[in-house]
């Protein structure tokens, strides 16, 4: 047996405190060498250092992950003294095939709310569940729920919950729950729809595989979580929901997660509810190949409690969420509640894609199709944005996503010959930025058209620079690709004026046209009978020198290419 090198000092269930589509999203491949096969640093850490992380006042449990022909295997051994623990750790480290060692750490339950008042499920409206259900209900997919168990007798979960497993008892009794947290999570995923009872899950035809890791006293540990992940992977789970987390890295847990991912299991975990209490990264959400989930409210604002960081991949509704609870229903808040919406989305994607799905493919869809929230592009608060089940299901079924372009064209007056940059932002109609796409931008002015091709950046922006000679119309066109449909939009400059340089000395007048088009220049002299005019067409970048008449003079342009009269200051000559 080996011990957890980096230990979750405060792993806990996080109910309470606790959108650019990459072109390669559909073709992502699993790692060539699964990360779980590589021994972690804990195998080389001194036994004394490992044992020093053991919790005080509790039994000393040494946890070891070993590689076997059937995959990683976790064992635990309870010892009486630190010296004995160090001996067991050392033995494990010297045994071939050991992948990780650590000391099991206690975990607890936390919840912000447990209010049994009824509430509308705004979350299903936010995630446009009705459109999703026109395409799939998630049938044929099993979702593992690593939690407090799930009460399968809840009327809105009837027939949805498999027997599962109780890690502590080593019995097929995961379908019981005396806490309520796991039942609430399960209802968000798969509560029966259209049965005139309670609530509806986002993937109402999916099955729940409950893995109970919390004992009757409300305790659990990192070893139990890792064992639960391996068990769910071995027993048909295609998605695993972990509404739990802690702030210390656990090598045994990471090994279990990476093994599940290598077996094409999509692992989704809560980002944590400690934003106001240190905001440390939470695991397993912060491990590679895990979708980390933050929580939003009914206005798509991030919850004040929801952890932030580079490991937050997406956000989902998690504030005041109504779901199943023990034998009834309740409202709860936390990233624990947001996580199952993303797990349900993964289940819908797997169901829609069928046997051709891979875990990298589905996780790429989840992060790549999200609706951009907060700061433009990915940020540490919302991650890539609000999860978009409809986008993911459409992609899984090979249905192109509708796209749109928003044009940004300057409307200020510009001098002829000056350059102006125009920008279009390409997104899906569901709010995801479309990066790496070629957009054709065409400027039409002076009877001619000029086209340029620009590639969208991570925010979906494509820009091009032009030198318009007249009021110009700009068309942004995206031809579409294998995942997105064609779209276009037009916009225009409102004013273009000549750019003239005027120099006069005495009765000598020199006019230089700095515009990229010819300008009809008129010189007026004020006499006793009014203004007399003489003119000259000054070509692009050409110069005209003339002699002024006696009197007050002024210069203005009257070219048909100008939509605004340009007038010089008046001056007198003798």
Protein backbone atom coordinates (compact mmCIF):
# COMPACT_ATOMS: atom_id res chain seq x y z
CA UNK A 1 0.00 0.00 0.00
CA UNK A 2 1.10 3.52 -0.63
CA UNK A 3 0.09 6.84 0.82
CA UNK A 4 -1.40 9.99 -0.61
CA UNK A 5 1.46 12.40 -1.22
CA UNK A 6 -0.51 15.57 -1.41
CA UNK A 7 -3.47 15.41 0.86
CA UNK A 8 -6.83 17.10 0.78
CA UNK A 9 -6.69 18.99 4.04
CA UNK A 10 -10.33 19.93 3.88
CA UNK A 11 -12.07 17.87 1.21
CA UNK A 12 -15.80 18.42 1.49
CA UNK A 13 -19.07 18.24 -0.36
CA UNK A 14 -19.60 21.66 -1.83
CA UNK A 15 -23.32 22.19 -1.81
CA UNK A 16 -23.56 25.59 -0.34
CA UNK A 17 -20.12 27.10 -0.16
CA UNK A 18 -19.10 25.39 -2.43
CA UNK A 19 -18.90 29.88 -24.43
CA UNK A 20 -14.88 29.88 -29.38
CA UNK A 21 -15.50 26.45 -30.77
CA UNK A 22 -12.03 25.15 -31.61
CA UNK A 23 -11.99 23.65 -35.11
CA UNK A 24 -10.30 20.59 -33.67
CA UNK A 25 -12.91 20.11 -30.95
CA UNK A 26 -14.42 17.07 -32.64
CA UNK A 27 -11.14 15.42 -33.49
CA UNK A 28 -9.32 15.67 -30.15
CA UNK A 29 -7.56 12.44 -29.21
CA UNK A 30 -6.94 10.84 -25.85
CA UNK A 31 -3.38 10.98 -24.51
CA UNK A 32 -1.10 8.39 -26.15
CA UNK A 33 0.23 7.38 -22.72
CA UNK A 34 -2.47 7.67 -20.02
CA UNK A 35 -1.30 9.91 -17.21
CA UNK A 36 -2.45 7.46 -14.56
CA UNK A 37 0.29 4.98 -15.51
CA UNK A 38 3.06 7.38 -14.46
CA UNK A 39 4.12 7.06 -10.79
CA UNK A 40 3.48 10.28 -8.89
CA UNK A 41 6.02 12.25 -6.88
CA UNK A 42 4.66 10.68 -3.69
CA UNK A 43 6.46 7.44 -4.56
CA UNK A 44 9.77 9.25 -4.07
CA UNK A 45 8.81 11.40 -1.07
CA UNK A 46 10.24 10.47 2.31
CA UNK A 47 7.86 8.34 4.42
CA UNK A 48 8.23 10.73 7.36
CA UNK A 49 7.07 13.68 5.21
CA UNK A 50 4.06 11.73 4.02
CA UNK A 51 3.04 10.54 7.47
CA UNK A 52 3.44 14.08 8.84
CA UNK A 53 0.32 15.00 6.83
CA UNK A 54 -1.82 12.55 8.76
CA UNK A 55 -4.82 14.15 10.51
CA UNK A 56 -4.56 14.48 14.28
CA UNK A 57 -6.91 12.63 16.57
CA UNK A 58 -7.96 10.09 13.93
CA UNK A 59 -6.91 6.64 12.86
CA UNK A 60 -3.79 6.52 10.72
CA UNK A 61 -4.80 5.15 7.31
CA UNK A 62 -2.15 4.55 4.67
CA UNK A 63 -3.57 4.66 1.12
CA UNK A 64 -1.81 3.08 -1.86
CA UNK A 65 -2.58 3.01 -5.58
CA UNK A 66 -0.96 0.20 -7.58
CA UNK A 67 -1.04 -0.63 -11.26
CA UNK A 68 -2.62 -3.98 -12.14
CA UNK A 69 -3.57 -5.67 -15.41
CA UNK A 70 -7.16 -4.46 -14.94
CA UNK A 71 -6.19 -0.89 -14.07
CA UNK A 72 -5.27 1.00 -10.87
CA UNK A 73 -6.16 -0.61 -7.56
CA UNK A 74 -6.50 1.26 -4.28
CA UNK A 75 -5.94 -0.29 -0.87
CA UNK A 76 -5.91 1.15 2.64
CA UNK A 77 -4.33 -0.07 5.86
CA UNK A 78 -5.02 1.25 9.35
CA UNK A 79 -1.97 1.33 11.63
CA UNK A 80 -1.42 2.19 15.29
CA UNK A 81 1.64 4.47 15.35
CA UNK A 82 3.44 6.99 13.10
CA UNK A 83 6.48 4.71 13.06
CA UNK A 84 4.39 1.82 11.78
CA UNK A 85 2.82 4.12 9.19
CA UNK A 86 6.28 5.15 7.95
CA UNK A 87 7.25 1.48 7.66
CA UNK A 88 4.12 0.71 5.59
CA UNK A 89 4.72 3.73 3.40
CA UNK A 90 8.32 2.71 2.75
CA UNK A 91 7.29 -0.83 1.86
CA UNK A 92 4.70 0.48 -0.59
CA UNK A 93 7.18 2.84 -2.22
CA UNK A 94 9.64 0.02 -2.82
CA UNK A 95 7.02 -2.31 -4.30
CA UNK A 96 7.01 -2.40 -8.14
CA UNK A 97 3.83 -1.01 -9.69
CA UNK A 98 3.12 1.54 -6.96
CA UNK A 99 1.68 4.71 -8.48
CA UNK A 100 0.81 6.86 -5.44
CA UNK A 101 0.97 6.92 -1.65
CA UNK A 102 -0.67 9.14 0.94
CA UNK A 103 -2.51 9.43 4.23
CA UNK A 104 -6.32 9.39 4.10
CA UNK A 105 -7.86 12.68 5.16
CA UNK A 106 -11.31 13.29 6.67
CA UNK A 107 -13.93 15.09 4.62
CA UNK A 108 -17.07 16.87 5.72
CA UNK A 109 -20.33 18.18 4.34
CA UNK A 110 -21.24 21.84 3.91
CA UNK A 111 -24.38 23.48 2.56
CA UNK A 112 -25.46 27.10 2.29
CA UNK A 113 -29.19 26.42 2.04
CA UNK A 114 -31.62 23.59 2.58
CA UNK A 115 -34.88 25.47 1.97
CA UNK A 116 -37.88 23.33 1.07
CA UNK A 117 -39.83 26.22 -0.48
CA UNK A 118 -40.97 25.55 -4.03
CA UNK A 119 -39.35 27.44 -6.88
CA UNK A 120 -39.50 27.42 -10.64
CA UNK A 121 -36.58 25.75 -12.34
CA UNK A 122 -35.11 28.83 -14.02
CA UNK A 123 -32.08 26.71 -14.79
CA UNK A 124 -33.90 24.66 -17.43
CA UNK A 125 -35.03 27.86 -19.14
CA UNK A 126 -31.51 29.28 -18.98
CA UNK A 127 -30.14 26.12 -20.59
CA UNK A 128 -33.00 25.98 -23.18
CA UNK A 129 -33.78 22.42 -22.15
CA UNK A 130 -36.89 22.30 -24.36
CA UNK A 131 -34.79 22.58 -27.52
CA UNK A 132 -32.36 20.00 -26.21
CA UNK A 133 -35.13 17.50 -25.50
CA UNK A 134 -36.29 17.76 -29.11
CA UNK A 135 -33.00 16.02 -29.95
CA UNK A 136 -32.22 13.71 -27.00
CA UNK A 137 -33.15 12.96 -23.39
CA UNK A 138 -29.87 11.23 -22.56
CA UNK A 139 -31.12 7.66 -22.84
CA UNK A 140 -28.58 4.85 -22.69
CA UNK A 141 -26.05 6.80 -20.64
CA UNK A 142 -25.06 6.05 -17.04
CA UNK A 143 -23.83 8.88 -14.83
CA UNK A 144 -21.82 8.01 -11.75
CA UNK A 145 -22.57 10.24 -8.76
CA UNK A 146 -19.78 10.19 -6.14
CA UNK A 147 -21.59 11.55 -3.12
CA UNK A 148 -23.68 10.72 -0.04
CA UNK A 149 -25.61 8.07 -1.93
CA UNK A 150 -28.90 8.64 -3.76
CA UNK A 151 -32.33 7.84 -2.38
CA UNK A 152 -33.74 5.82 -5.26
CA UNK A 153 -37.16 5.65 -3.61
CA UNK A 154 -37.79 9.38 -4.22
CA UNK A 155 -40.89 9.40 -6.49
CA UNK A 156 -39.21 11.67 -9.04
CA UNK A 157 -36.26 9.27 -9.30
CA UNK A 158 -38.30 6.07 -9.54
CA UNK A 159 -36.54 3.66 -11.87
CA UNK A 160 -33.69 6.11 -12.51
CA UNK A 161 -31.25 4.94 -9.85
CA UNK A 162 -29.16 1.77 -10.06
CA UNK A 163 -28.04 -0.15 -6.96
CA UNK A 164 -24.58 1.42 -7.00
CA UNK A 165 -22.02 0.85 -4.25
CA UNK A 166 -21.31 1.90 -0.69
CA UNK A 167 -17.53 2.28 -0.40
CA UNK A 168 -17.48 2.07 3.38
CA UNK A 169 -19.69 -1.00 3.66
CA UNK A 170 -18.48 -2.60 0.43
CA UNK A 171 -22.08 -3.41 -0.44
CA UNK A 172 -24.36 -2.67 -3.40
CA UNK A 173 -26.34 -0.08 -1.43
CA UNK A 174 -25.38 3.22 -3.02
CA UNK A 175 -29.09 3.84 -3.65
CA UNK A 176 -29.70 4.98 -0.09
CA UNK A 177 -29.08 8.46 1.30
CA UNK A 178 -29.59 9.80 4.80
CA UNK A 179 -28.02 13.18 4.04
CA UNK A 180 -29.89 14.42 0.94
CA UNK A 181 -26.99 16.02 -0.91
CA UNK A 182 -26.45 13.15 -3.32
CA UNK A 183 -30.19 12.83 -4.00
CA UNK A 184 -30.35 16.53 -4.83
CA UNK A 185 -27.45 16.19 -7.27
CA UNK A 186 -29.02 13.13 -8.90
CA UNK A 187 -32.34 14.93 -9.44
CA UNK A 188 -30.63 17.77 -11.27
CA UNK A 189 -29.22 15.21 -13.67
CA UNK A 190 -32.01 12.71 -14.17
CA UNK A 191 -35.27 13.46 -12.33
CA UNK A 192 -38.17 12.18 -14.42
CA UNK A 193 -39.72 14.76 -16.78
CA UNK A 194 -43.44 15.15 -17.56
CA UNK A 195 -44.65 12.93 -14.73
CA UNK A 196 -46.56 15.66 -12.87
CA UNK A 197 -44.21 15.25 -9.91
CA UNK A 198 -41.71 17.73 -8.58
CA UNK A 199 -38.91 18.62 -10.97
CA UNK A 200 -37.23 17.54 -14.21
CA UNK A 201 -33.60 16.61 -14.71
CA UNK A 202 -31.67 18.01 -17.64
CA UNK A 203 -30.98 14.44 -18.88
CA UNK A 204 -34.21 12.76 -17.71
CA UNK A 205 -33.58 9.48 -19.55
CA UNK A 206 -30.09 8.94 -18.15
CA UNK A 207 -29.46 6.45 -15.34
CA UNK A 208 -27.76 7.28 -12.05
CA UNK A 209 -25.02 5.02 -10.67
CA UNK A 210 -24.69 6.13 -7.03
CA UNK A 211 -21.38 5.67 -5.25
CA UNK A 212 -21.73 6.41 -1.57
CA UNK A 213 -18.48 7.52 0.03
CA UNK A 214 -19.89 9.23 3.15
CA UNK A 215 -20.45 7.02 6.18
CA UNK A 216 -23.29 7.18 8.69
CA UNK A 217 -21.43 9.76 10.78
CA UNK A 218 -21.05 12.07 7.78
CA UNK A 219 -17.37 11.29 7.30
CA UNK A 220 -15.44 10.26 4.22
CA UNK A 221 -11.90 10.40 2.93
CA UNK A 222 -9.84 10.81 -0.19
CA UNK A 223 -9.25 7.10 -0.51
CA UNK A 224 -12.99 6.50 -0.68
CA UNK A 225 -13.40 9.08 -3.41
CA UNK A 226 -10.61 7.57 -5.50
CA UNK A 227 -12.02 4.06 -4.99
CA UNK A 228 -15.45 5.33 -5.98
CA UNK A 229 -14.14 6.77 -9.24
CA UNK A 230 -12.46 3.49 -10.15
CA UNK A 231 -15.56 1.49 -9.24
CA UNK A 232 -17.88 3.71 -11.29
CA UNK A 233 -15.49 3.51 -14.24
CA UNK A 234 -15.47 -0.29 -14.05
CA UNK A 235 -19.26 -0.49 -13.77
CA UNK A 236 -20.39 1.39 -16.86
CA UNK A 237 -20.35 5.08 -15.96
CA UNK A 238 -19.70 7.23 -19.03
CA UNK A 239 -19.85 10.43 -16.98
CA UNK A 240 -18.82 10.90 -13.35
CA UNK A 241 -20.18 13.78 -11.26
CA UNK A 242 -18.13 14.88 -8.25
CA UNK A 243 -19.83 17.66 -6.30
CA UNK A 244 -16.97 17.62 -3.81
CA UNK A 245 -13.55 19.17 -3.48
CA UNK A 246 -10.60 20.14 -1.36
CA UNK A 247 -7.64 22.46 -1.52
CA UNK A 248 -4.69 20.03 -1.35
CA UNK A 249 -3.42 17.87 -4.22
CA UNK A 250 -3.98 14.14 -3.75
CA UNK A 251 -1.91 11.86 -5.99
CA UNK A 252 -4.11 8.80 -5.46
CA UNK A 253 -7.17 10.80 -6.42
CA UNK A 254 -5.46 12.26 -9.48
CA UNK A 255 -4.39 8.81 -10.62
CA UNK A 256 -8.00 7.59 -10.37
CA UNK A 257 -9.25 10.59 -12.35
CA UNK A 258 -6.69 10.16 -15.12
CA UNK A 259 -7.51 6.47 -15.37
CA UNK A 260 -11.22 7.25 -15.78
CA UNK A 261 -10.44 9.81 -18.49
CA UNK A 262 -8.25 7.28 -20.31
CA UNK A 263 -11.28 4.98 -20.35
CA UNK A 264 -13.35 7.72 -22.05
CA UNK A 265 -15.20 8.69 -18.90
CA UNK A 266 -16.04 12.40 -18.71
CA UNK A 267 -15.20 13.64 -15.20
CA UNK A 268 -16.97 16.78 -13.96
CA UNK A 269 -16.24 18.37 -10.57
CA UNK A 270 -17.28 21.37 -8.51
CA UNK A 271 -14.90 24.35 -8.45
CA UNK A 272 -15.58 24.99 -4.75
CA UNK A 273 -17.42 27.48 -2.53
CA UNK A 274 -14.43 29.12 -0.86
CA UNK A 275 -14.11 32.34 -2.88
CA UNK A 276 -14.64 34.39 0.28
CA UNK A 277 -12.48 32.10 2.37
CA UNK A 278 -9.10 31.90 0.67
CA UNK A 279 -10.26 30.97 -2.85
CA UNK A 280 -7.71 28.16 -3.12
CA UNK A 281 -7.78 25.81 -6.12
CA UNK A 282 -10.06 22.85 -5.53
CA UNK A 283 -9.42 19.24 -6.42
CA UNK A 284 -10.34 17.14 -8.27
CA UNK A 285 -11.75 20.07 -10.30
CA UNK A 286 -8.26 21.53 -10.75
CA UNK A 287 -6.73 18.27 -11.98
CA UNK A 288 -6.01 17.95 -15.72
CA UNK A 289 -8.79 16.43 -17.81
CA UNK A 290 -11.51 17.34 -15.30
CA UNK A 291 -14.21 19.86 -16.18
CA UNK A 292 -14.23 22.39 -13.31
CA UNK A 293 -17.60 24.09 -12.77
CA UNK A 294 -18.53 27.44 -11.22
CA UNK A 295 -22.04 28.48 -10.17
CA UNK A 296 -24.26 31.24 -11.61
CA UNK A 297 -27.61 32.66 -10.56
CA UNK A 298 -30.83 33.31 -12.48
CA UNK A 299 -29.28 36.45 -14.02
CA UNK A 300 -26.17 34.55 -15.19
CA UNK A 301 -24.04 36.33 -12.60
CA UNK A 302 -21.42 34.30 -10.77
CA UNK A 303 -22.31 33.30 -7.22
CA UNK A 304 -20.48 35.29 -4.57
CA UNK A 305 -19.19 32.02 -3.08
CA UNK A 306 -18.05 30.37 -6.33
CA UNK A 307 -14.29 29.84 -6.51
CA UNK A 308 -12.33 31.47 -9.31
CA UNK A 309 -9.14 30.41 -11.01
CA UNK A 310 -7.54 29.03 -14.14
CA UNK A 311 -9.07 25.63 -13.45
CA UNK A 312 -12.65 26.90 -13.78
CA UNK A 313 -13.69 25.63 -17.21
CA UNK A 314 -17.37 26.56 -17.42
CA UNK A 315 -20.25 27.84 -15.31
CA UNK A 316 -23.80 26.56 -14.82
CA UNK A 317 -26.83 27.49 -12.70
CA UNK A 318 -26.08 26.77 -9.05
CA UNK A 319 -27.94 29.36 -6.97
CA UNK A 320 -31.33 28.42 -5.48
CA UNK A 321 -31.70 25.19 -7.40
CA UNK A 322 -34.82 23.13 -6.85
CA UNK A 323 -34.38 19.35 -6.98
CA UNK A 324 -35.11 16.03 -5.31
CA UNK A 325 -34.10 15.75 -1.66
CA UNK A 326 -34.40 12.57 0.39
CA UNK A 327 -38.07 11.55 -0.16
CA UNK A 328 -39.24 15.01 -1.17
CA UNK A 329 -37.81 18.17 -2.77
CA UNK A 330 -35.65 21.08 -1.65
CA UNK A 331 -33.79 24.14 -2.82
CA UNK A 332 -30.01 24.21 -2.44
CA UNK A 333 -27.17 26.48 -3.53
CA UNK A 334 -23.55 25.80 -4.40
CA UNK A 335 -21.15 24.66 -7.07
CA UNK A 336 -22.41 21.23 -6.03
CA UNK A 337 -25.65 22.14 -7.80
CA UNK A 338 -23.97 23.64 -10.87
CA UNK A 339 -21.80 20.58 -11.48
CA UNK A 340 -24.62 18.11 -12.25
CA UNK A 341 -25.96 20.42 -14.98
CA UNK A 342 -22.63 20.03 -16.75
CA UNK A 343 -22.60 16.29 -16.06
CA UNK A 344 -26.10 16.05 -17.53
CA UNK A 345 -24.89 18.00 -20.56
CA UNK A 346 -22.07 15.48 -21.00
CA UNK A 347 -24.58 12.65 -20.77
CA UNK A 348 -26.75 14.29 -23.43
CA UNK A 349 -23.69 14.65 -25.68
CA UNK A 350 -22.70 11.02 -25.25
CA UNK A 351 -26.26 9.89 -25.99
CA UNK A 352 -26.46 12.11 -29.08
CA UNK A 353 -23.06 11.04 -30.45
CA UNK A 354 -23.36 7.36 -29.71
CA UNK A 355 -20.50 4.89 -29.78
CA UNK A 356 -18.16 7.31 -31.58
CA UNK A 357 -17.73 9.63 -28.62
CA UNK A 358 -14.48 10.15 -26.69
CA UNK A 359 -13.90 11.94 -23.42
CA UNK A 360 -11.59 14.54 -25.04
CA UNK A 361 -14.26 15.17 -27.68
CA UNK A 362 -17.02 15.80 -25.14
CA UNK A 363 -14.91 17.92 -22.80
CA UNK A 364 -13.78 19.94 -25.85
CA UNK A 365 -17.40 20.54 -26.79
CA UNK A 366 -18.28 21.60 -23.26
CA UNK A 367 -15.54 24.21 -23.02
CA UNK A 368 -15.63 25.19 -26.70
CA UNK A 369 -19.34 25.92 -27.11
CA UNK A 370 -20.03 27.80 -23.90
CA UNK A 371 -21.75 31.17 -23.93
CA UNK A 372 -19.24 33.91 -23.22
CA UNK A 373 -19.94 35.66 -19.91
CA UNK A 374 -18.02 38.25 -17.91
CA UNK A 375 -14.89 39.61 -19.54
CA UNK A 376 -14.67 38.92 -23.27
CA UNK A 377 -13.14 35.50 -23.84
CA UNK A 378 -12.07 33.04 -21.21
CA UNK A 379 -11.69 34.40 -17.68
CA UNK A 380 -11.05 32.95 -14.25
CA UNK A 381 -14.56 33.71 -13.00
CA UNK A 382 -16.80 32.07 -15.59
CA UNK A 383 -14.14 30.01 -17.33
CA UNK A 384 -15.16 29.73 -20.97
CA UNK A 385 -18.71 30.78 -20.06
CA UNK A 386 -22.15 29.31 -19.45
CA UNK A 387 -22.46 25.68 -20.54
CA UNK A 388 -24.59 25.31 -23.70
CA UNK A 389 -26.31 21.91 -23.90
CA UNK A 390 -28.11 22.76 -27.13
CA UNK A 391 -24.83 23.63 -28.88
CA UNK A 392 -23.16 20.44 -27.71
CA UNK A 393 -26.06 18.17 -28.65
CA UNK A 394 -26.29 19.74 -32.11
CA UNK A 395 -22.58 19.15 -32.66
CA UNK A 396 -22.87 15.59 -31.42
CA UNK A 397 -25.65 14.94 -33.93
CA UNK A 398 -23.77 16.63 -36.77
CA UNK A 399 -26.16 19.59 -36.91
CA UNK A 400 -24.41 22.85 -37.75
CA UNK A 401 -24.58 25.61 -35.18
CA UNK A 402 -26.21 28.84 -36.35
CA UNK A 403 -23.72 31.70 -36.48
CA UNK A 404 -23.92 35.48 -36.57
CA UNK A 405 -21.57 38.41 -37.10
CA UNK A 406 -21.71 41.71 -35.29
CA UNK A 407 -19.97 44.49 -37.27
CA UNK A 408 -17.92 47.28 -35.73
CA UNK A 409 -17.42 50.05 -38.29
CA UNK A 410 -16.24 53.57 -37.33
CA UNK A 411 -18.87 56.22 -38.04
CA UNK A 412 -16.64 59.23 -37.53
CA UNK A 413 -15.71 61.53 -40.42
CA UNK A 414 -12.42 60.54 -42.02
CA UNK A 415 -10.08 62.38 -44.36
CA UNK A 416 -9.75 60.84 -47.78
CA UNK A 417 -6.68 58.65 -48.09
CA UNK A 418 -6.68 57.83 -44.42
CA UNK A 419 -6.97 54.20 -43.41
CA UNK A 420 -9.73 52.79 -41.28
CA UNK A 421 -9.97 49.40 -39.63
CA UNK A 422 -13.28 47.57 -39.45
CA UNK A 423 -13.99 44.55 -37.25
CA UNK A 424 -16.58 41.82 -37.18
CA UNK A 425 -17.16 39.43 -34.27
CA UNK A 426 -18.25 35.90 -35.20
CA UNK A 427 -20.23 33.91 -32.64
CA UNK A 428 -22.87 31.24 -32.49
CA UNK A 429 -26.39 32.45 -31.85
CA UNK A 430 -26.00 30.79 -28.44
CA UNK A 431 -23.15 33.16 -27.54
CA UNK A 432 -19.98 31.14 -28.12
CA UNK A 433 -17.02 32.87 -29.76
CA UNK A 434 -15.92 31.23 -33.01
CA UNK A 435 -12.14 31.32 -33.26
CA UNK A 436 -9.87 30.23 -36.09
CA UNK A 437 -12.47 30.92 -38.79
CA UNK A 438 -11.84 32.81 -42.01
CA UNK A 439 -14.11 35.81 -42.54
CA UNK A 440 -14.21 37.63 -45.87
CA UNK A 441 -14.52 41.39 -45.44
CA UNK A 442 -15.49 43.32 -48.58
CA UNK A 443 -15.41 47.12 -48.85
CA UNK A 444 -17.38 48.76 -51.66
CA UNK A 445 -16.74 52.43 -52.49
CA UNK A 446 -16.29 54.61 -55.57
CA UNK A 447 -17.81 51.93 -57.78
CA UNK A 448 -15.22 49.30 -56.83
CA UNK A 449 -15.01 46.48 -54.32
CA UNK A 450 -11.99 45.31 -52.34
CA UNK A 451 -12.05 42.01 -50.42
CA UNK A 452 -9.75 40.78 -47.68
CA UNK A 453 -9.75 37.55 -45.66
CA UNK A 454 -9.10 37.67 -41.92
CA UNK A 455 -8.97 34.86 -39.37
CA UNK A 456 -10.94 35.25 -36.14
CA UNK A 457 -9.03 35.41 -32.87
CA UNK A 458 -9.96 33.75 -29.57
CA UNK A 459 -12.79 36.26 -29.12
CA UNK A 460 -14.16 35.58 -32.60
CA UNK A 461 -12.90 38.92 -33.96
CA UNK A 462 -11.73 39.44 -37.56
CA UNK A 463 -10.39 42.80 -38.73
CA UNK A 464 -9.25 44.42 -41.98
CA UNK A 465 -7.96 47.87 -42.94
CA UNK A 466 -9.14 49.85 -45.98
CA UNK A 467 -8.61 53.30 -47.56
CA UNK A 468 -12.11 54.32 -48.64
CA UNK A 469 -12.51 57.19 -51.13
CA UNK A 470 -16.23 57.62 -50.59
CA UNK A 471 -18.90 56.54 -48.24
CA UNK A 472 -18.28 52.80 -48.10
CA UNK A 473 -20.33 49.69 -47.45
CA UNK A 474 -18.65 46.78 -45.68
CA UNK A 475 -19.84 43.20 -45.83
CA UNK A 476 -18.60 40.54 -43.44
CA UNK A 477 -19.22 37.01 -44.67
CA UNK A 478 -18.48 33.63 -43.10
CA UNK A 479 -18.96 30.67 -45.40
CA UNK A 480 -19.52 28.21 -42.58
CA UNK A 481 -17.70 24.93 -41.95
CA UNK A 482 -18.42 21.42 -40.74
CA UNK A 483 -19.80 22.65 -37.42
CA UNK A 484 -21.22 26.11 -38.12
CA UNK A 485 -23.54 27.64 -40.71
CA UNK A 486 -22.83 30.54 -43.10
CA UNK A 487 -23.70 34.09 -42.11
CA UNK A 488 -23.08 37.68 -43.25
CA UNK A 489 -23.76 41.25 -42.23
CA UNK A 490 -23.27 44.71 -43.81
CA UNK A 491 -22.43 48.11 -42.37
CA UNK A 492 -21.16 51.49 -43.69
CA UNK A 493 -19.13 54.63 -43.04
CA UNK A 494 -21.28 57.74 -42.87
CA UNK A 495 -18.79 60.43 -43.96
CA UNK A 496 -15.61 60.70 -46.03
CA UNK A 497 -14.11 64.12 -46.77
CA UNK A 498 -11.11 65.24 -48.86
CA UNK A 499 -7.76 65.70 -47.21
CA UNK A 500 -6.36 69.00 -48.60
CA UNK A 501 -3.23 70.92 -47.64
CA UNK A 502 -3.49 74.66 -48.45
CA UNK A 503 -0.55 77.05 -48.52
CA UNK A 504 -0.83 80.69 -49.60
CA UNK A 505 1.67 83.52 -49.69
CA UNK A 506 0.50 86.87 -50.87
CA UNK A 507 -1.50 86.10 -54.01
CA UNK A 508 0.07 82.67 -54.55
CA UNK A 509 -2.08 79.66 -53.61
CA UNK A 510 -0.89 76.03 -53.55
CA UNK A 511 -3.33 73.19 -52.88
CA UNK A 512 -2.07 69.64 -52.38
CA UNK A 513 -4.60 66.82 -52.49
CA UNK A 514 -3.52 64.13 -49.98
CA UNK A 515 -6.60 62.04 -50.69
CA UNK A 516 -6.57 58.81 -52.63
CA UNK A 517 -9.20 60.25 -54.97
CA UNK A 518 -9.58 63.34 -57.13
CA UNK A 519 -11.17 66.43 -55.62
CA UNK A 520 -13.04 69.24 -57.36
CA UNK A 521 -11.46 72.29 -55.69
CA UNK A 522 -13.17 75.65 -55.97
CA UNK A 523 -11.66 79.04 -55.18
CA UNK A 524 -14.04 81.90 -54.47
CA UNK A 525 -13.29 85.62 -54.34
CA UNK A 526 -15.73 88.07 -52.81
CA UNK A 527 -16.44 91.14 -54.96
CA UNK A 528 -18.92 94.00 -54.73
CA UNK A 529 -21.46 91.89 -56.63
CA UNK A 530 -20.93 88.71 -54.62
CA UNK A 531 -18.69 85.66 -54.79
CA UNK A 532 -17.00 84.71 -58.08
CA UNK A 533 -15.77 81.14 -58.51
CA UNK A 534 -13.14 79.33 -60.48
CA UNK A 535 -12.30 75.64 -60.02
CA UNK A 536 -9.86 72.86 -60.83
CA UNK A 537 -10.01 69.07 -60.53
CA UNK A 538 -7.00 68.14 -58.44
CA UNK A 539 -6.06 64.48 -58.88
CA UNK A 540 -5.18 62.07 -56.13
CA UNK A 541 -1.96 63.11 -54.42
CA UNK A 542 -1.60 65.96 -56.96
CA UNK A 543 -0.81 69.66 -56.46
CA UNK A 544 -2.40 72.79 -57.98
CA UNK A 545 -0.79 76.21 -57.79
CA UNK A 546 -2.75 79.31 -58.83
CA UNK A 547 -2.86 83.09 -58.34
CA UNK A 548 -5.51 84.54 -56.09
CA UNK A 549 -7.63 87.48 -57.18
CA UNK A 550 -7.83 90.67 -55.18
CA UNK A 551 -10.38 90.53 -52.40
CA UNK A 552 -11.48 88.01 -49.79
CA UNK A 553 -10.83 84.43 -50.84
CA UNK A 554 -11.83 81.02 -49.66
CA UNK A 555 -11.43 77.41 -50.83
CA UNK A 556 -13.87 74.59 -50.66
CA UNK A 557 -14.38 71.19 -52.27
CA UNK A 558 -17.46 70.29 -54.26
CA UNK A 559 -16.45 66.91 -55.60
CA UNK A 560 -19.11 64.28 -55.89
CA UNK A 561 -16.94 61.99 -53.81
CA UNK A 562 -17.41 64.24 -50.82
CA UNK A 563 -20.42 64.03 -48.58
CA UNK A 564 -19.39 66.98 -46.50
CA UNK A 565 -18.25 70.42 -47.69
CA UNK A 566 -14.77 71.31 -46.54
CA UNK A 567 -14.21 75.08 -46.20
CA UNK A 568 -10.93 76.87 -45.58
CA UNK A 569 -10.63 79.97 -43.41
CA UNK A 570 -11.17 83.14 -45.47
CA UNK A 571 -8.32 85.54 -46.12
CA UNK A 572 -7.88 88.79 -47.97
CA UNK A 573 -5.44 89.75 -50.73
CA UNK A 574 -4.56 93.12 -52.21
